[in-house]
């Protein structure tokens, strides 16, 4: 079953955040288990973003999360945030193509 992780965060250094993600994409190529990541910006709350990360399964997400490299990456991103990120872990139970 597909699995999504939503990460809401606030930052005033989005350029550095994006640069860190770009570096991560290169460093984790070949072993990361996420299949897609979409960063969104909240129109009503400046400086607030939601990252939507897609995995083929919860198990694949946990495999990714358990890697030491992922922990270091998460710490780096958190250091660029103005508060603690909020996580939502979601099992996909229906998808409708529109």
N, C-alpha and C. Protein backbone atom coordinates (compact mmCIF):
# COMPACT_ATOMS: atom_id res chain seq x y z
N UNK A 1 0.84 -1.17 0.00
CA UNK A 1 0.00 0.00 0.00
C UNK A 1 0.89 1.24 0.00
N UNK A 2 0.66 2.20 -0.89
CA UNK A 2 1.46 3.43 -0.91
C UNK A 2 1.37 4.17 0.43
N UNK A 3 2.39 4.93 0.70
CA UNK A 3 2.52 5.63 1.98
C UNK A 3 3.00 7.05 1.69
N UNK A 4 2.41 8.03 2.38
CA UNK A 4 2.81 9.43 2.25
C UNK A 4 3.25 9.97 3.59
N UNK A 5 4.25 10.80 3.57
CA UNK A 5 4.63 11.54 4.76
C UNK A 5 4.51 13.01 4.44
N UNK A 6 3.73 13.72 5.25
CA UNK A 6 3.61 15.16 5.11
C UNK A 6 4.41 15.81 6.23
N UNK A 7 5.25 16.75 5.85
CA UNK A 7 6.10 17.43 6.81
C UNK A 7 5.83 18.93 6.68
N UNK A 8 5.21 19.49 7.71
CA UNK A 8 4.96 20.93 7.72
C UNK A 8 6.09 21.60 8.48
N UNK A 9 6.61 22.68 7.90
CA UNK A 9 7.73 23.38 8.55
C UNK A 9 7.68 24.85 8.20
N UNK A 10 8.37 25.63 9.02
CA UNK A 10 8.50 27.06 8.78
C UNK A 10 9.99 27.39 8.65
N UNK A 11 10.28 28.26 7.70
CA UNK A 11 11.66 28.71 7.53
C UNK A 11 11.67 30.07 6.84
N UNK A 12 12.68 30.84 7.14
CA UNK A 12 12.93 32.08 6.42
C UNK A 12 14.20 31.94 5.57
N UNK A 13 14.66 30.66 5.45
CA UNK A 13 15.86 30.36 4.65
C UNK A 13 15.54 29.27 3.64
N UNK A 14 14.48 29.47 2.86
CA UNK A 14 14.03 28.42 1.94
C UNK A 14 15.08 28.13 0.86
N UNK A 15 15.86 29.12 0.46
CA UNK A 15 16.90 28.86 -0.54
C UNK A 15 17.93 27.87 -0.01
N UNK A 16 18.33 27.99 1.25
CA UNK A 16 19.28 27.05 1.84
C UNK A 16 18.62 25.69 2.03
N UNK A 17 17.36 25.67 2.38
CA UNK A 17 16.61 24.43 2.51
C UNK A 17 16.59 23.69 1.17
N UNK A 18 16.23 24.40 0.11
CA UNK A 18 16.19 23.80 -1.23
C UNK A 18 17.57 23.30 -1.66
N UNK A 19 18.61 24.06 -1.35
CA UNK A 19 19.98 23.64 -1.70
C UNK A 19 20.34 22.35 -0.97
N UNK A 20 19.93 22.23 0.29
CA UNK A 20 20.19 21.00 1.05
C UNK A 20 19.46 19.82 0.44
N UNK A 21 18.22 20.03 0.00
CA UNK A 21 17.46 18.96 -0.65
C UNK A 21 18.15 18.55 -1.96
N UNK A 22 18.61 19.53 -2.73
CA UNK A 22 19.31 19.22 -3.98
C UNK A 22 20.55 18.35 -3.72
N UNK A 23 21.30 18.69 -2.69
CA UNK A 23 22.48 17.89 -2.33
C UNK A 23 22.07 16.48 -1.91
N UNK A 24 20.99 16.38 -1.15
CA UNK A 24 20.47 15.09 -0.69
C UNK A 24 20.06 14.20 -1.86
N UNK A 25 19.43 14.79 -2.86
CA UNK A 25 19.00 14.01 -4.02
C UNK A 25 20.19 13.36 -4.72
N UNK A 26 21.28 14.08 -4.79
CA UNK A 26 22.49 13.53 -5.40
C UNK A 26 23.12 12.47 -4.49
N UNK A 27 23.24 12.78 -3.20
CA UNK A 27 23.91 11.87 -2.26
C UNK A 27 23.14 10.57 -2.04
N UNK A 28 21.82 10.62 -2.13
CA UNK A 28 21.01 9.44 -1.83
C UNK A 28 20.56 8.67 -3.07
N UNK A 29 21.00 9.12 -4.23
CA UNK A 29 20.63 8.42 -5.47
C UNK A 29 21.10 6.98 -5.39
N UNK A 30 20.24 6.06 -5.77
CA UNK A 30 20.60 4.66 -5.78
C UNK A 30 20.16 3.89 -4.55
N UNK A 31 19.88 4.57 -3.43
CA UNK A 31 19.42 3.83 -2.26
C UNK A 31 18.18 4.42 -1.59
N UNK A 32 17.86 5.68 -1.83
CA UNK A 32 16.66 6.22 -1.16
C UNK A 32 15.42 5.51 -1.68
N UNK A 33 14.42 5.39 -0.84
CA UNK A 33 13.22 4.64 -1.20
C UNK A 33 12.04 5.53 -1.55
N UNK A 34 12.15 6.82 -1.31
CA UNK A 34 11.07 7.74 -1.71
C UNK A 34 10.99 7.78 -3.23
N UNK A 35 9.78 7.85 -3.75
CA UNK A 35 9.58 7.89 -5.20
C UNK A 35 9.26 9.29 -5.72
N UNK A 36 8.81 10.18 -4.83
CA UNK A 36 8.49 11.54 -5.25
C UNK A 36 8.43 12.42 -4.01
N UNK A 37 8.81 13.67 -4.18
CA UNK A 37 8.67 14.66 -3.12
C UNK A 37 8.15 15.94 -3.76
N UNK A 38 7.15 16.52 -3.13
CA UNK A 38 6.56 17.76 -3.60
C UNK A 38 6.59 18.77 -2.47
N UNK A 39 7.21 19.92 -2.69
CA UNK A 39 7.23 20.98 -1.69
C UNK A 39 6.15 21.99 -2.05
N UNK A 40 5.32 22.33 -1.07
CA UNK A 40 4.27 23.32 -1.28
C UNK A 40 4.48 24.48 -0.32
N UNK A 41 3.92 25.63 -0.70
CA UNK A 41 4.02 26.83 0.14
C UNK A 41 2.60 27.25 0.51
N UNK A 42 2.38 27.52 1.77
CA UNK A 42 1.06 27.92 2.26
C UNK A 42 0.80 29.39 1.87
N UNK A 43 -0.24 29.61 1.08
CA UNK A 43 -0.56 30.97 0.63
C UNK A 43 -1.00 31.88 1.78
N UNK A 44 -1.56 31.28 2.82
CA UNK A 44 -2.11 32.06 3.92
C UNK A 44 -1.14 32.26 5.08
N UNK A 45 -0.03 31.55 5.06
CA UNK A 45 0.96 31.64 6.14
C UNK A 45 2.35 31.78 5.52
N UNK A 46 2.79 33.01 5.28
CA UNK A 46 4.12 33.19 4.68
C UNK A 46 5.20 32.48 5.50
N UNK A 47 6.12 31.84 4.78
CA UNK A 47 7.21 31.13 5.42
C UNK A 47 6.84 29.74 5.91
N UNK A 48 5.61 29.29 5.59
CA UNK A 48 5.16 27.96 5.99
C UNK A 48 5.07 27.08 4.75
N UNK A 49 5.61 25.87 4.87
CA UNK A 49 5.69 24.93 3.75
C UNK A 49 5.21 23.56 4.20
N UNK A 50 4.77 22.76 3.22
CA UNK A 50 4.45 21.36 3.46
C UNK A 50 5.17 20.55 2.39
N UNK A 51 6.00 19.62 2.85
CA UNK A 51 6.70 18.70 1.96
C UNK A 51 5.91 17.40 1.95
N UNK A 52 5.53 16.92 0.78
CA UNK A 52 4.79 15.67 0.63
C UNK A 52 5.75 14.66 0.01
N UNK A 53 6.08 13.61 0.78
CA UNK A 53 7.04 12.60 0.33
C UNK A 53 6.30 11.29 0.13
N UNK A 54 6.43 10.71 -1.06
CA UNK A 54 5.73 9.48 -1.42
C UNK A 54 6.68 8.29 -1.40
N UNK A 55 6.17 7.19 -0.84
CA UNK A 55 6.91 5.93 -0.78
C UNK A 55 6.02 4.81 -1.30
N UNK A 56 6.60 3.72 -1.79
CA UNK A 56 5.77 2.60 -2.25
C UNK A 56 5.06 1.88 -1.11
N UNK A 57 5.59 2.01 0.13
CA UNK A 57 4.98 1.35 1.28
C UNK A 57 5.52 1.98 2.56
N UNK A 58 4.84 1.69 3.67
CA UNK A 58 5.32 2.13 4.97
C UNK A 58 6.68 1.49 5.28
N UNK A 59 6.83 0.23 4.90
CA UNK A 59 8.09 -0.47 5.13
C UNK A 59 9.25 0.21 4.40
N UNK A 60 9.00 0.64 3.17
CA UNK A 60 10.03 1.35 2.40
C UNK A 60 10.38 2.67 3.07
N UNK A 61 9.38 3.35 3.60
CA UNK A 61 9.63 4.62 4.30
C UNK A 61 10.48 4.38 5.55
N UNK A 62 10.17 3.32 6.29
CA UNK A 62 10.93 3.01 7.50
C UNK A 62 12.36 2.59 7.17
N UNK A 63 12.53 1.87 6.07
CA UNK A 63 13.88 1.51 5.61
C UNK A 63 14.69 2.78 5.36
N UNK A 64 14.08 3.75 4.71
CA UNK A 64 14.73 5.03 4.43
C UNK A 64 15.02 5.78 5.72
N UNK A 65 14.03 5.85 6.61
CA UNK A 65 14.17 6.61 7.86
C UNK A 65 15.23 6.03 8.78
N UNK A 66 15.44 4.73 8.73
CA UNK A 66 16.38 4.07 9.63
C UNK A 66 17.84 4.23 9.22
N UNK A 67 18.08 4.79 8.06
CA UNK A 67 19.47 4.98 7.61
C UNK A 67 20.09 6.17 8.37
N UNK A 68 21.33 6.04 8.82
CA UNK A 68 21.98 7.15 9.52
C UNK A 68 22.06 8.42 8.66
N UNK A 69 22.23 8.23 7.35
CA UNK A 69 22.32 9.38 6.45
C UNK A 69 21.02 10.18 6.47
N UNK A 70 19.90 9.50 6.57
CA UNK A 70 18.61 10.18 6.60
C UNK A 70 18.47 10.98 7.89
N UNK A 71 18.92 10.42 9.00
CA UNK A 71 18.87 11.14 10.27
C UNK A 71 19.69 12.42 10.23
N UNK A 72 20.88 12.35 9.65
CA UNK A 72 21.73 13.54 9.54
C UNK A 72 21.09 14.58 8.63
N UNK A 73 20.48 14.11 7.54
CA UNK A 73 19.80 15.01 6.62
C UNK A 73 18.63 15.71 7.32
N UNK A 74 17.84 14.95 8.06
CA UNK A 74 16.70 15.53 8.78
C UNK A 74 17.18 16.57 9.80
N UNK A 75 18.28 16.30 10.48
CA UNK A 75 18.83 17.27 11.43
C UNK A 75 19.26 18.54 10.72
N UNK A 76 19.87 18.38 9.56
CA UNK A 76 20.31 19.55 8.79
C UNK A 76 19.12 20.40 8.39
N UNK A 77 18.05 19.75 7.89
CA UNK A 77 16.87 20.51 7.50
C UNK A 77 16.22 21.18 8.71
N UNK A 78 16.15 20.47 9.82
CA UNK A 78 15.54 21.03 11.03
C UNK A 78 16.30 22.27 11.50
N UNK A 79 17.61 22.28 11.29
CA UNK A 79 18.42 23.44 11.70
C UNK A 79 18.10 24.68 10.87
N UNK A 80 17.48 24.47 9.72
CA UNK A 80 17.10 25.60 8.85
C UNK A 80 15.68 26.08 9.12
N UNK A 81 14.98 25.39 10.01
CA UNK A 81 13.59 25.73 10.31
C UNK A 81 13.52 26.65 11.52
N UNK A 82 12.44 27.43 11.59
CA UNK A 82 12.25 28.35 12.71
C UNK A 82 11.49 27.70 13.86
N UNK A 83 11.03 26.50 13.68
CA UNK A 83 10.37 25.74 14.74
C UNK A 83 10.52 24.27 14.42
N UNK A 84 9.91 23.43 15.23
CA UNK A 84 9.98 21.99 14.99
C UNK A 84 9.03 21.60 13.87
N UNK A 85 9.49 20.79 12.91
CA UNK A 85 8.60 20.30 11.86
C UNK A 85 7.51 19.41 12.45
N UNK A 86 6.36 19.39 11.79
CA UNK A 86 5.25 18.52 12.17
C UNK A 86 5.12 17.44 11.11
N UNK A 87 5.04 16.18 11.54
CA UNK A 87 4.96 15.05 10.62
C UNK A 87 3.58 14.41 10.67
N UNK A 88 3.10 14.01 9.50
CA UNK A 88 1.88 13.19 9.38
C UNK A 88 2.25 11.99 8.55
N UNK A 89 1.93 10.80 9.03
CA UNK A 89 2.23 9.55 8.34
C UNK A 89 0.92 8.96 7.85
N UNK A 90 0.78 8.83 6.53
CA UNK A 90 -0.50 8.51 5.93
C UNK A 90 -0.43 7.29 5.01
N UNK A 91 -1.25 6.29 5.29
CA UNK A 91 -1.43 5.18 4.35
C UNK A 91 -2.41 5.62 3.28
N UNK A 92 -2.07 5.39 2.04
CA UNK A 92 -2.95 5.74 0.92
C UNK A 92 -3.95 4.60 0.76
N UNK A 93 -5.22 4.93 0.86
CA UNK A 93 -6.22 3.87 0.67
C UNK A 93 -7.11 4.09 -0.55
N UNK A 94 -6.91 5.23 -1.23
CA UNK A 94 -7.67 5.46 -2.46
C UNK A 94 -6.98 6.56 -3.26
N UNK A 95 -6.89 6.36 -4.56
CA UNK A 95 -6.36 7.36 -5.49
C UNK A 95 -7.32 7.42 -6.67
N UNK A 96 -7.78 8.61 -7.00
CA UNK A 96 -8.63 8.81 -8.17
C UNK A 96 -7.91 9.74 -9.14
N UNK A 97 -7.62 9.27 -10.33
CA UNK A 97 -7.04 10.14 -11.33
C UNK A 97 -8.16 11.00 -11.91
N UNK A 98 -7.90 12.27 -11.98
CA UNK A 98 -8.93 13.21 -12.44
C UNK A 98 -8.67 13.67 -13.86
